[in-house]
């Protein structure tokens, strides 16, 4: 398999670009006066380097998302524990109030 075929195969595996990203990229390119006729053709090495960079960014984004999900889960567990502790604390406070009330009545 030639390098070009490998690159095409790698590109086909990448997810389709969402419309928002496409619009932002188009706007940035237009802002800087980049058009199809002005773009230089990328060499195979540059294409490969670009794909590696893209995969690296994708992995970092996935790691960041995973880390945020993990932190969210830890925070939720902590909040649940705190709620349980608060509930138990409220129960104890109620018991103390009742005991004091009973002592006053006697």
N, C-alpha and C. Protein backbone atom coordinates (compact mmCIF):
# COMPACT_ATOMS: atom_id res chain seq x y z
N UNK A 1 0.85 -1.17 0.00
CA UNK A 1 0.00 0.00 0.00
C UNK A 1 0.90 1.24 0.00
N UNK A 2 0.61 2.16 -0.90
CA UNK A 2 1.45 3.35 -1.01
C UNK A 2 1.12 4.33 0.11
N UNK A 3 1.99 5.31 0.27
CA UNK A 3 1.79 6.31 1.32
C UNK A 3 0.50 7.09 1.11
N UNK A 4 0.20 7.43 -0.14
CA UNK A 4 -1.03 8.18 -0.42
C UNK A 4 -2.26 7.37 -0.04
N UNK A 5 -2.24 6.10 -0.32
CA UNK A 5 -3.39 5.25 0.02
C UNK A 5 -3.54 5.15 1.54
N UNK A 6 -2.41 5.07 2.23
CA UNK A 6 -2.46 5.03 3.70
C UNK A 6 -3.05 6.33 4.25
N UNK A 7 -2.62 7.46 3.67
CA UNK A 7 -3.13 8.74 4.13
C UNK A 7 -4.63 8.88 3.86
N UNK A 8 -5.06 8.44 2.68
CA UNK A 8 -6.49 8.50 2.35
C UNK A 8 -7.30 7.62 3.29
N UNK A 9 -6.77 6.45 3.60
CA UNK A 9 -7.44 5.54 4.52
C UNK A 9 -7.54 6.16 5.91
N UNK A 10 -6.46 6.80 6.34
CA UNK A 10 -6.43 7.44 7.66
C UNK A 10 -7.43 8.60 7.70
N UNK A 11 -7.50 9.37 6.62
CA UNK A 11 -8.44 10.48 6.56
C UNK A 11 -9.89 9.98 6.58
N UNK A 12 -10.13 8.87 5.93
CA UNK A 12 -11.50 8.34 5.90
C UNK A 12 -11.95 7.86 7.28
N UNK A 13 -11.01 7.50 8.14
CA UNK A 13 -11.34 7.05 9.49
C UNK A 13 -11.71 8.21 10.42
N UNK A 14 -11.27 9.41 10.07
CA UNK A 14 -11.55 10.56 10.92
C UNK A 14 -13.03 10.91 10.85
N UNK A 15 -13.59 11.40 11.95
CA UNK A 15 -15.01 11.76 11.94
C UNK A 15 -15.27 12.95 11.02
N UNK A 16 -16.49 13.01 10.50
CA UNK A 16 -16.86 14.13 9.63
C UNK A 16 -16.84 15.42 10.43
N UNK A 17 -16.47 16.51 9.77
CA UNK A 17 -16.37 17.80 10.44
C UNK A 17 -17.78 18.34 10.67
N UNK A 18 -18.02 18.82 11.86
CA UNK A 18 -19.33 19.38 12.14
C UNK A 18 -19.44 20.77 11.49
N UNK A 19 -20.64 21.22 11.19
CA UNK A 19 -20.83 22.49 10.46
C UNK A 19 -20.23 23.70 11.17
N UNK A 20 -20.29 23.72 12.49
CA UNK A 20 -19.76 24.86 13.23
C UNK A 20 -18.25 24.98 13.04
N UNK A 21 -17.54 23.86 13.15
CA UNK A 21 -16.10 23.87 12.96
C UNK A 21 -15.75 24.28 11.54
N UNK A 22 -16.48 23.74 10.58
CA UNK A 22 -16.23 24.07 9.18
C UNK A 22 -16.40 25.57 8.95
N UNK A 23 -17.46 26.15 9.50
CA UNK A 23 -17.71 27.58 9.32
C UNK A 23 -16.59 28.40 9.96
N UNK A 24 -16.16 28.02 11.16
CA UNK A 24 -15.09 28.76 11.83
C UNK A 24 -13.78 28.70 11.04
N UNK A 25 -13.44 27.51 10.54
CA UNK A 25 -12.21 27.35 9.77
C UNK A 25 -12.30 28.17 8.49
N UNK A 26 -13.44 28.11 7.80
CA UNK A 26 -13.62 28.89 6.56
C UNK A 26 -13.47 30.38 6.83
N UNK A 27 -14.06 30.85 7.94
CA UNK A 27 -13.95 32.28 8.27
C UNK A 27 -12.51 32.69 8.54
N UNK A 28 -11.78 31.86 9.26
CA UNK A 28 -10.37 32.19 9.56
C UNK A 28 -9.55 32.22 8.27
N UNK A 29 -9.79 31.24 7.40
CA UNK A 29 -9.04 31.20 6.14
C UNK A 29 -9.38 32.41 5.28
N UNK A 30 -10.65 32.78 5.19
CA UNK A 30 -11.04 33.95 4.40
C UNK A 30 -10.44 35.22 4.98
N UNK A 31 -10.41 35.31 6.30
CA UNK A 31 -9.87 36.49 6.97
C UNK A 31 -8.42 36.73 6.57
N UNK A 32 -7.68 35.65 6.41
CA UNK A 32 -6.26 35.76 6.07
C UNK A 32 -6.01 35.65 4.57
N UNK A 33 -7.05 35.67 3.77
CA UNK A 33 -6.91 35.68 2.33
C UNK A 33 -6.45 34.37 1.72
N UNK A 34 -6.75 33.26 2.38
CA UNK A 34 -6.36 31.95 1.86
C UNK A 34 -7.47 31.44 0.95
N UNK A 35 -7.09 31.12 -0.29
CA UNK A 35 -8.04 30.54 -1.24
C UNK A 35 -7.44 29.25 -1.78
N UNK A 36 -8.26 28.46 -2.46
CA UNK A 36 -7.78 27.18 -2.97
C UNK A 36 -6.63 27.35 -3.95
N UNK A 37 -6.68 28.37 -4.79
CA UNK A 37 -5.61 28.56 -5.77
C UNK A 37 -4.32 29.06 -5.12
N UNK A 38 -4.40 29.68 -3.95
CA UNK A 38 -3.20 30.17 -3.27
C UNK A 38 -2.56 29.13 -2.35
N UNK A 39 -3.31 28.07 -2.03
CA UNK A 39 -2.77 27.07 -1.13
C UNK A 39 -1.71 26.23 -1.83
N UNK A 40 -0.66 25.92 -1.11
CA UNK A 40 0.36 25.06 -1.68
C UNK A 40 -0.03 23.61 -1.49
N UNK A 41 0.46 22.79 -2.34
CA UNK A 41 0.19 21.35 -2.21
C UNK A 41 1.07 20.80 -1.11
N UNK A 42 0.48 20.00 -0.25
CA UNK A 42 1.22 19.40 0.85
C UNK A 42 1.98 18.17 0.39
N UNK A 43 3.20 18.05 0.86
CA UNK A 43 3.96 16.85 0.55
C UNK A 43 3.42 15.71 1.41
N UNK A 44 3.81 14.49 1.06
CA UNK A 44 3.36 13.33 1.83
C UNK A 44 3.83 13.39 3.28
N UNK A 45 5.04 13.91 3.49
CA UNK A 45 5.56 14.04 4.85
C UNK A 45 4.73 15.03 5.66
N UNK A 46 4.36 16.14 5.02
CA UNK A 46 3.55 17.14 5.71
C UNK A 46 2.16 16.59 6.03
N UNK A 47 1.61 15.83 5.11
CA UNK A 47 0.30 15.21 5.35
C UNK A 47 0.37 14.25 6.53
N UNK A 48 1.42 13.45 6.55
CA UNK A 48 1.59 12.48 7.63
C UNK A 48 1.78 13.20 8.96
N UNK A 49 2.58 14.26 8.96
CA UNK A 49 2.81 15.03 10.17
C UNK A 49 1.50 15.67 10.64
N UNK A 50 0.70 16.17 9.71
CA UNK A 50 -0.57 16.78 10.05
C UNK A 50 -1.52 15.74 10.67
N UNK A 51 -1.56 14.55 10.10
CA UNK A 51 -2.42 13.49 10.65
C UNK A 51 -1.98 13.08 12.05
N UNK A 52 -0.66 12.99 12.26
CA UNK A 52 -0.16 12.65 13.59
C UNK A 52 -0.54 13.73 14.59
N UNK A 53 -0.41 14.99 14.18
CA UNK A 53 -0.76 16.09 15.05
C UNK A 53 -2.26 16.06 15.36
N UNK A 54 -3.08 15.77 14.35
CA UNK A 54 -4.52 15.70 14.54
C UNK A 54 -4.89 14.57 15.50
N UNK A 55 -4.27 13.41 15.33
CA UNK A 55 -4.53 12.29 16.24
C UNK A 55 -4.09 12.60 17.67
N UNK A 56 -2.97 13.30 17.80
CA UNK A 56 -2.48 13.68 19.12
C UNK A 56 -3.46 14.62 19.81
N UNK A 57 -3.96 15.60 19.07
CA UNK A 57 -4.94 16.53 19.63
C UNK A 57 -6.22 15.78 20.01
N UNK A 58 -6.63 14.83 19.16
CA UNK A 58 -7.83 14.06 19.44
C UNK A 58 -7.66 13.24 20.73
N UNK A 59 -6.50 12.63 20.91
CA UNK A 59 -6.23 11.84 22.11
C UNK A 59 -6.23 12.73 23.36
N UNK A 60 -5.63 13.92 23.24
CA UNK A 60 -5.60 14.84 24.38
C UNK A 60 -7.00 15.32 24.73
N UNK A 61 -7.82 15.58 23.71
CA UNK A 61 -9.19 16.01 23.96
C UNK A 61 -9.97 14.89 24.64
N UNK A 62 -9.77 13.67 24.20
CA UNK A 62 -10.47 12.53 24.81
C UNK A 62 -10.02 12.34 26.26
N UNK A 63 -8.71 12.49 26.51
CA UNK A 63 -8.19 12.36 27.87
C UNK A 63 -8.77 13.45 28.77
N UNK A 64 -8.89 14.66 28.24
CA UNK A 64 -9.47 15.76 29.01
C UNK A 64 -10.93 15.47 29.33
N UNK A 65 -11.68 14.99 28.34
CA UNK A 65 -13.10 14.66 28.55
C UNK A 65 -13.23 13.54 29.59
N UNK A 66 -12.39 12.53 29.49
CA UNK A 66 -12.42 11.44 30.46
C UNK A 66 -12.11 11.93 31.87
N UNK A 67 -11.13 12.81 31.97
CA UNK A 67 -10.74 13.37 33.26
C UNK A 67 -11.88 14.19 33.86
N UNK A 68 -12.57 14.97 33.02
CA UNK A 68 -13.69 15.76 33.51
C UNK A 68 -14.82 14.86 33.98
N UNK A 69 -15.08 13.79 33.24
CA UNK A 69 -16.12 12.85 33.65
C UNK A 69 -15.76 12.19 34.98
N UNK A 70 -14.48 11.85 35.13
CA UNK A 70 -14.01 11.23 36.37
C UNK A 70 -14.18 12.20 37.53
N UNK A 71 -13.80 13.46 37.32
CA UNK A 71 -13.94 14.47 38.37
C UNK A 71 -15.41 14.70 38.71
N UNK A 72 -16.28 14.67 37.70
CA UNK A 72 -17.71 14.86 37.94
C UNK A 72 -18.24 13.73 38.80
N UNK A 73 -17.81 12.50 38.51
CA UNK A 73 -18.25 11.34 39.28
C UNK A 73 -17.79 11.44 40.73
N UNK A 74 -16.55 11.83 40.93
CA UNK A 74 -16.01 11.98 42.29
C UNK A 74 -16.78 13.06 43.03
N UNK A 75 -17.07 14.16 42.35
CA UNK A 75 -17.82 15.25 42.98
C UNK A 75 -19.22 14.80 43.35
N UNK A 76 -19.86 14.05 42.47
CA UNK A 76 -21.21 13.55 42.78
C UNK A 76 -21.19 12.62 43.98
N UNK A 77 -20.20 11.74 44.06
CA UNK A 77 -20.10 10.84 45.20
C UNK A 77 -19.88 11.63 46.49
N UNK A 78 -19.03 12.64 46.43
CA UNK A 78 -18.77 13.47 47.60
C UNK A 78 -20.05 14.19 48.03
N UNK A 79 -20.79 14.70 47.06
CA UNK A 79 -22.04 15.38 47.39
C UNK A 79 -23.04 14.42 48.03
N UNK A 80 -23.10 13.19 47.54
CA UNK A 80 -24.00 12.20 48.12
C UNK A 80 -23.63 11.91 49.56
N UNK A 81 -22.33 11.76 49.81
CA UNK A 81 -21.87 11.51 51.18
C UNK A 81 -22.23 12.69 52.09
N UNK A 82 -22.01 13.90 51.57
CA UNK A 82 -22.31 15.10 52.35
C UNK A 82 -23.79 15.17 52.66
N UNK A 83 -24.63 14.83 51.68
CA UNK A 83 -26.08 14.85 51.91
C UNK A 83 -26.47 13.84 52.98
N UNK A 84 -25.87 12.65 52.92
CA UNK A 84 -26.16 11.63 53.93
C UNK A 84 -25.73 12.11 55.31
N UNK A 85 -24.55 12.73 55.37
CA UNK A 85 -24.06 13.23 56.65
C UNK A 85 -24.98 14.34 57.16
N UNK A 86 -25.41 15.23 56.27
CA UNK A 86 -26.31 16.30 56.68
C UNK A 86 -27.64 15.73 57.17
N UNK A 87 -28.13 14.74 56.48
CA UNK A 87 -29.38 14.12 56.89
C UNK A 87 -29.23 13.50 58.28
N UNK A 88 -28.17 12.79 58.50
CA UNK A 88 -27.91 12.17 59.81
C UNK A 88 -27.76 13.24 60.88
N UNK A 89 -27.09 14.31 60.53
CA UNK A 89 -26.88 15.42 61.47
C UNK A 89 -28.22 16.05 61.83
N UNK A 90 -29.07 16.24 60.83
CA UNK A 90 -30.38 16.81 61.08
C UNK A 90 -31.21 15.90 61.98
N UNK A 91 -31.08 14.61 61.77
CA UNK A 91 -31.79 13.65 62.62
C UNK A 91 -31.34 13.77 64.07
N UNK A 92 -30.04 13.86 64.27
CA UNK A 92 -29.51 13.98 65.63
C UNK A 92 -29.96 15.29 66.28
N UNK A 93 -29.99 16.36 65.50
CA UNK A 93 -30.45 17.65 66.03
C UNK A 93 -31.91 17.55 66.45
N UNK A 94 -32.72 16.91 65.62
CA UNK A 94 -34.14 16.73 65.96
C UNK A 94 -34.30 15.91 67.25
N UNK A 95 -33.51 14.86 67.38
CA UNK A 95 -33.56 14.04 68.59
C UNK A 95 -33.21 14.86 69.82
N UNK A 96 -32.16 15.68 69.70
CA UNK A 96 -31.76 16.53 70.82
C UNK A 96 -32.87 17.51 71.18
N UNK A 97 -33.49 18.09 70.19
CA UNK A 97 -34.58 19.04 70.43
C UNK A 97 -35.74 18.35 71.14
N UNK A 98 -36.04 17.14 70.70
CA UNK A 98 -37.13 16.39 71.33
C UNK A 98 -36.79 16.05 72.78
N UNK A 99 -35.56 15.66 73.03
CA UNK A 99 -35.14 15.34 74.39
C UNK A 99 -35.25 16.57 75.29
N UNK A 100 -34.81 17.71 74.77
CA UNK A 100 -34.90 18.96 75.55
C UNK A 100 -36.37 19.32 75.83
N UNK A 101 -37.19 19.14 74.79
CA UNK A 101 -38.61 19.44 74.96
C UNK A 101 -39.23 18.52 76.01
N UNK A 102 -38.86 17.23 75.96
CA UNK A 102 -39.39 16.27 76.94
C UNK A 102 -38.94 16.63 78.36
N UNK A 103 -37.71 17.07 78.52
CA UNK A 103 -37.20 17.44 79.84
C UNK A 103 -37.96 18.66 80.38
N UNK A 104 -38.26 19.60 79.49
CA UNK A 104 -38.98 20.80 79.91
C UNK A 104 -40.40 20.45 80.34
N UNK A 105 -41.00 19.51 79.66
CA UNK A 105 -42.38 19.11 79.96
C UNK A 105 -42.44 18.36 81.29
N UNK A 106 -41.39 17.69 81.66
CA UNK A 106 -41.39 16.90 82.90
C UNK A 106 -41.13 17.80 84.02
